[in-house]
Amino acid sequence: MPLTQLFPFSASASPPWRSWLYALPAVVSLASIVAADDVALVELANPLQGTDSVREFSHGNLYPAIAVPFPMNAWAPYTQPVPDSFYYQYRQMKFRGIRQTHQPSPWINEHAAFAFMPVTGELRVTDVERASEFSHDDEIARPSYYRAYLKTHDATIEVTPTKRGASFRVTYGQKSPAYLIIDAFPHGSSVKILPRERMIVGVSRYSHGGTPENFANYFIVKFDQPFEAFGTWTPRETSEGRQFQDGEHVGAYLQFACVDTRVVTYQANCK
């Protein structure tokens, strides 16, 4: 029997089974959700999807946004040094920190970012020097939670988003000293360390245009552990014991004793 008798349609019209094929992925996806009715829907989302992109060819142009719905900001790990706007590339195995991000698109680039990075042993502050090896086998990414084990520093960093910021937990292994690097990014930044309050106050003016002259992101970070030592840094030098610094690109570092506990938690919030 001729095929046209089995499926009678004109040469110019799309065959009906084509629309069935288009609908099949949605049906399969819906069936998976129904079958997983005991799993929260947020568990089914994969923030790493679409992150295998480079400037020359896109597989999504996305970064792994860890955020509440309709957020004031999002949080994301990054593997590429600033100012690469394709800053989390799935095939790159260098972890440089978790940043607060407001990037709408890699073609527009980042705004108002700052980042945290655990470091152990030798104090290394820039995102090139402090980078750690990591593996996707030791990484968990969900919209509501992110965790990565940093092999170079034998430390694990975790983050969960809040309405205006995030809560972090860093678990240090056996390597010492144990540091946390705060990077306020270039294009104008400042940091102020308040040891008695276990707090850091900072400003990031990181921008790639389209912002007013007084553009700034003001942030506060509150810690549960005292600082054994602290200081500020620029890409050229570190200043031990210094509590305030501003300039083109500045940051802060904190050292923790890690005697009673190897775990440090902190909350970051923005105005």
Protein backbone atom coordinates (compact mmCIF):
# COMPACT_ATOMS: atom_id res chain seq x y z
CA MET A 1 0.00 0.00 0.00
CA PRO A 2 1.40 3.45 -0.86
CA LEU A 3 2.59 5.50 2.09
CA THR A 4 0.23 8.32 1.07
CA GLN A 5 -2.75 6.03 1.75
CA LEU A 6 -1.47 5.19 5.19
CA PHE A 7 -0.75 8.85 6.03
CA PRO A 8 -2.91 11.03 3.75
CA PHE A 9 -1.49 14.55 3.81
CA SER A 10 -0.49 17.03 1.18
CA ALA A 11 3.11 17.52 0.17
CA SER A 12 3.10 21.03 1.56
CA ALA A 13 1.64 20.12 4.95
CA SER A 14 3.57 18.70 7.90
CA PRO A 15 2.70 15.05 8.66
CA PRO A 16 0.65 14.67 11.85
CA TRP A 17 3.17 12.34 13.48
CA ARG A 18 5.73 15.16 13.44
CA SER A 19 3.70 17.11 15.98
CA TRP A 20 3.48 13.95 18.08
CA LEU A 21 7.26 13.71 18.07
CA TYR A 22 7.55 17.35 19.13
CA ALA A 23 5.21 16.70 22.06
CA LEU A 24 6.93 13.49 23.16
CA PRO A 25 9.68 15.12 25.30
CA ALA A 26 7.09 17.14 27.22
CA VAL A 27 5.02 14.02 27.84
CA VAL A 28 8.07 12.09 29.05
CA SER A 29 9.11 14.99 31.28
CA LEU A 30 5.62 15.26 32.76
CA ALA A 31 5.56 11.52 33.38
CA SER A 32 8.88 11.76 35.21
CA ILE A 33 7.55 14.49 37.46
CA VAL A 34 4.40 12.53 38.24
CA ALA A 35 6.48 9.44 38.98
CA ALA A 36 8.67 11.49 41.31
CA ASP A 37 5.79 12.90 43.31
CA ASP A 38 7.70 12.27 46.52
CA VAL A 39 10.56 14.53 45.35
CA ALA A 40 10.45 18.32 45.68
CA LEU A 41 10.29 19.96 42.26
CA VAL A 42 13.37 22.05 43.05
CA GLU A 43 15.34 18.79 43.17
CA LEU A 44 14.56 18.18 39.48
CA ALA A 45 16.25 21.37 38.26
CA ASN A 46 19.92 21.22 37.26
CA PRO A 47 21.68 24.62 37.47
CA LEU A 48 24.69 23.21 35.60
CA GLN A 49 22.66 22.72 32.44
CA GLY A 50 23.73 25.15 29.71
CA THR A 51 27.12 25.93 31.27
CA ASP A 52 29.28 24.21 28.64
CA SER A 53 29.69 27.45 26.69
CA VAL A 54 32.54 29.57 25.38
CA ARG A 55 32.53 32.86 23.53
CA GLU A 56 33.11 31.10 20.21
CA PHE A 57 30.21 28.65 20.57
CA SER A 58 27.21 28.54 22.88
CA HIS A 59 25.63 25.57 24.57
CA GLY A 60 23.30 27.76 26.59
CA ASN A 61 25.29 30.83 27.74
CA LEU A 62 24.21 30.09 31.31
CA TYR A 63 25.84 30.08 34.73
CA PRO A 64 24.71 27.92 37.69
CA ALA A 65 22.48 30.40 39.54
CA ILE A 66 21.82 29.45 43.15
CA ALA A 67 18.92 31.70 44.14
CA VAL A 68 15.40 31.99 45.51
CA PRO A 69 12.62 32.75 42.99
CA PHE A 70 12.66 36.35 41.71
CA PRO A 71 15.86 37.11 43.64
CA MET A 72 17.57 40.38 44.48
CA ASN A 73 20.79 38.55 43.59
CA ALA A 74 22.06 35.08 42.77
CA TRP A 75 25.17 33.13 43.77
CA ALA A 76 27.36 31.14 41.43
CA PRO A 77 30.69 29.31 41.43
CA TYR A 78 33.20 30.40 38.82
CA THR A 79 36.02 28.62 37.05
CA GLN A 80 37.32 31.44 34.87
CA PRO A 81 39.29 34.47 36.08
CA VAL A 82 37.77 37.94 36.00
CA PRO A 83 36.75 39.49 33.58
CA ASP A 84 35.69 36.38 31.61
CA SER A 85 31.90 36.67 31.35
CA PHE A 86 31.55 32.95 30.55
CA TYR A 87 32.77 32.53 34.06
CA TYR A 88 31.57 29.00 34.83
CA GLN A 89 32.69 26.60 32.10
CA TYR A 90 31.70 23.03 32.79
CA ARG A 91 34.85 21.49 31.30
CA GLN A 92 37.24 23.68 33.31
CA MET A 93 38.42 22.12 36.57
CA LYS A 94 39.71 25.22 38.38
CA PHE A 95 37.49 26.62 41.12
CA ARG A 96 38.07 30.30 41.93
CA GLY A 97 35.25 31.12 44.35
CA ILE A 98 31.52 31.65 44.77
CA ARG A 99 30.38 35.08 43.68
CA GLN A 100 27.29 37.14 44.15
CA THR A 101 26.15 37.72 40.59
CA HIS A 102 23.81 40.06 38.74
CA GLN A 103 24.88 39.06 35.24
CA PRO A 104 21.93 39.11 32.80
CA SER A 105 23.94 37.74 29.89
CA PRO A 106 27.59 37.00 29.10
CA TRP A 107 27.34 39.53 26.28
CA ILE A 108 26.51 42.25 28.84
CA ASN A 109 28.87 40.87 31.50
CA GLU A 110 28.82 41.09 35.26
CA HIS A 111 27.80 43.92 37.62
CA ALA A 112 28.24 44.50 41.37
CA ALA A 113 29.95 41.18 42.07
CA PHE A 114 32.02 40.04 45.04
CA ALA A 115 33.23 36.56 45.97
CA PHE A 116 34.36 34.18 48.72
CA MET A 117 37.06 31.54 48.47
CA PRO A 118 38.52 29.22 51.15
CA VAL A 119 42.31 28.91 51.06
CA THR A 120 44.67 26.84 53.22
CA GLY A 121 48.42 26.73 53.69
CA GLU A 122 50.09 29.60 51.86
CA LEU A 123 48.01 32.79 51.68
CA ARG A 124 46.97 33.30 48.06
CA VAL A 125 44.45 36.03 47.26
CA THR A 126 43.96 36.65 43.52
CA ASP A 127 41.63 34.40 41.55
CA VAL A 128 44.58 33.10 39.52
CA GLU A 129 46.76 32.22 42.53
CA ARG A 130 44.04 30.85 44.83
CA ALA A 131 42.36 28.59 42.22
CA SER A 132 41.75 25.02 43.38
CA GLU A 133 41.31 21.77 41.54
CA PHE A 134 37.82 20.32 41.86
CA SER A 135 35.66 17.62 40.29
CA HIS A 136 32.00 17.42 39.33
CA ASP A 137 31.97 14.18 41.31
CA ASP A 138 32.49 16.30 44.43
CA GLU A 139 29.98 18.97 43.43
CA ILE A 140 26.26 19.28 44.22
CA ALA A 141 24.24 21.95 42.41
CA ARG A 142 20.59 22.67 43.03
CA PRO A 143 18.75 26.01 42.81
CA SER A 144 18.49 26.01 46.61
CA TYR A 145 21.93 24.65 47.50
CA TYR A 146 25.46 24.35 46.17
CA ARG A 147 28.49 22.46 47.50
CA ALA A 148 31.97 21.81 46.18
CA TYR A 149 35.03 20.13 47.63
CA LEU A 150 38.21 22.05 46.82
CA LYS A 151 40.99 19.50 46.50
CA THR A 152 43.93 21.91 46.50
CA HIS A 153 42.86 23.45 49.81
CA ASP A 154 41.19 20.39 51.35
CA ALA A 155 38.10 22.45 52.12
CA THR A 156 34.40 22.26 51.33
CA ILE A 157 32.27 25.34 50.66
CA GLU A 158 28.47 25.31 50.79
CA VAL A 159 25.89 28.02 50.11
CA THR A 160 22.13 28.35 50.30
CA PRO A 161 20.37 31.53 49.15
CA THR A 162 18.23 33.89 51.20
CA LYS A 163 15.94 36.75 50.21
CA ARG A 164 18.70 39.39 50.12
CA GLY A 165 21.86 37.30 50.37
CA ALA A 166 23.04 33.84 51.35
CA SER A 167 24.23 31.61 54.17
CA PHE A 168 27.60 29.89 53.79
CA ARG A 169 29.42 27.06 55.52
CA VAL A 170 33.09 26.25 55.04
CA THR A 171 34.54 23.00 56.41
CA TYR A 172 38.33 22.96 56.51
CA GLY A 173 40.27 19.70 56.41
CA GLN A 174 43.61 19.13 58.08
CA LYS A 175 45.59 21.78 56.23
CA SER A 176 46.56 24.95 58.10
CA PRO A 177 46.42 27.90 58.32
CA ALA A 178 42.77 28.21 57.28
CA TYR A 179 41.82 31.39 55.43
CA LEU A 180 38.78 32.87 53.76
CA ILE A 181 39.36 35.32 50.92
CA ILE A 182 36.84 38.07 50.22
CA ASP A 183 37.25 39.51 46.73
CA ALA A 184 35.42 42.81 46.11
CA PHE A 185 36.32 42.80 42.38
CA PRO A 186 37.89 45.54 40.22
CA HIS A 187 36.52 48.85 38.86
CA GLY A 188 36.41 50.34 42.35
CA SER A 189 35.90 48.56 45.68
CA SER A 190 36.42 48.86 49.41
CA VAL A 191 36.49 46.59 52.46
CA LYS A 192 36.34 47.27 56.19
CA ILE A 193 37.10 44.57 58.77
CA LEU A 194 35.41 44.80 62.18
CA PRO A 195 37.06 42.10 64.37
CA ARG A 196 34.99 42.69 67.53
CA GLU A 197 31.75 42.36 65.59
CA ARG A 198 33.12 39.44 63.53
CA MET A 199 32.00 41.37 60.50
CA ILE A 200 33.14 42.72 57.14
CA VAL A 201 31.51 45.67 55.38
CA GLY A 202 32.29 46.14 51.72
CA VAL A 203 31.43 47.91 48.49
CA SER A 204 31.65 46.59 44.94
CA ARG A 205 31.39 48.94 41.97
CA TYR A 206 32.20 46.31 39.38
CA SER A 207 30.49 47.26 36.13
CA HIS A 208 30.73 47.10 32.36
CA GLY A 209 28.74 50.20 31.51
CA GLY A 210 25.12 51.24 31.62
CA THR A 211 25.27 52.25 35.29
CA PRO A 212 25.15 55.70 36.97
CA GLU A 213 28.25 57.32 38.47
CA ASN A 214 27.18 56.47 42.03
CA PHE A 215 26.55 52.80 41.20
CA ALA A 216 27.57 50.49 44.07
CA ASN A 217 26.66 47.26 45.81
CA TYR A 218 26.97 47.53 49.60
CA PHE A 219 27.39 44.23 51.43
CA ILE A 220 27.81 43.01 55.01
CA VAL A 221 29.23 39.62 56.04
CA LYS A 222 28.71 38.31 59.58
CA PHE A 223 30.74 35.35 60.94
CA ASP A 224 30.15 32.88 63.76
CA GLN A 225 33.87 32.46 64.56
CA PRO A 226 36.43 35.05 65.75
CA PHE A 227 39.31 36.05 63.49
CA GLU A 228 42.70 34.77 64.54
CA ALA A 229 44.29 37.15 62.03
CA PHE A 230 43.12 39.36 59.20
CA GLY A 231 44.21 41.87 56.60
CA THR A 232 43.43 43.51 53.29
CA TRP A 233 44.87 42.95 49.84
CA THR A 234 45.27 44.24 46.33
CA PRO A 235 46.51 42.19 43.37
CA ARG A 236 50.02 43.50 44.16
CA GLU A 237 50.28 43.11 47.93
CA THR A 238 48.72 42.00 51.20
CA SER A 239 48.55 44.17 54.33
CA GLU A 240 48.43 42.12 57.53
CA GLY A 241 46.38 43.70 60.32
CA ARG A 242 44.97 46.45 58.13
CA GLN A 243 41.24 46.97 58.70
CA PHE A 244 40.24 49.25 55.82
CA GLN A 245 41.25 49.62 52.20
CA ASP A 246 39.73 51.03 49.06
CA GLY A 247 40.97 51.33 45.50
CA GLU A 248 40.67 49.94 42.00
CA HIS A 249 40.57 46.32 43.21
CA VAL A 250 40.74 45.37 46.89
CA GLY A 251 39.75 42.52 49.13
CA ALA A 252 40.09 41.13 52.63
CA TYR A 253 41.38 37.91 54.12
CA LEU A 254 40.50 36.24 57.41
CA GLN A 255 42.37 33.51 59.25
CA PHE A 256 40.53 31.15 61.61
CA ALA A 257 42.09 29.20 64.47
CA CYS A 258 39.99 26.06 63.82
CA VAL A 259 40.82 24.61 67.26
CA ASP A 260 37.40 23.60 68.62
CA THR A 261 35.82 23.27 65.19
CA ARG A 262 36.93 23.13 61.57
CA VAL A 263 33.63 24.64 60.45
CA VAL A 264 33.01 28.34 59.83
CA THR A 265 29.57 29.70 58.96
CA TYR A 266 28.68 33.19 57.81
CA GLN A 267 25.86 35.20 56.31
CA ALA A 268 26.21 37.71 53.48
CA ASN A 269 23.56 40.38 52.94
CA CYS A 270 23.23 43.40 50.68
CA LYS A 271 21.51 46.75 50.82
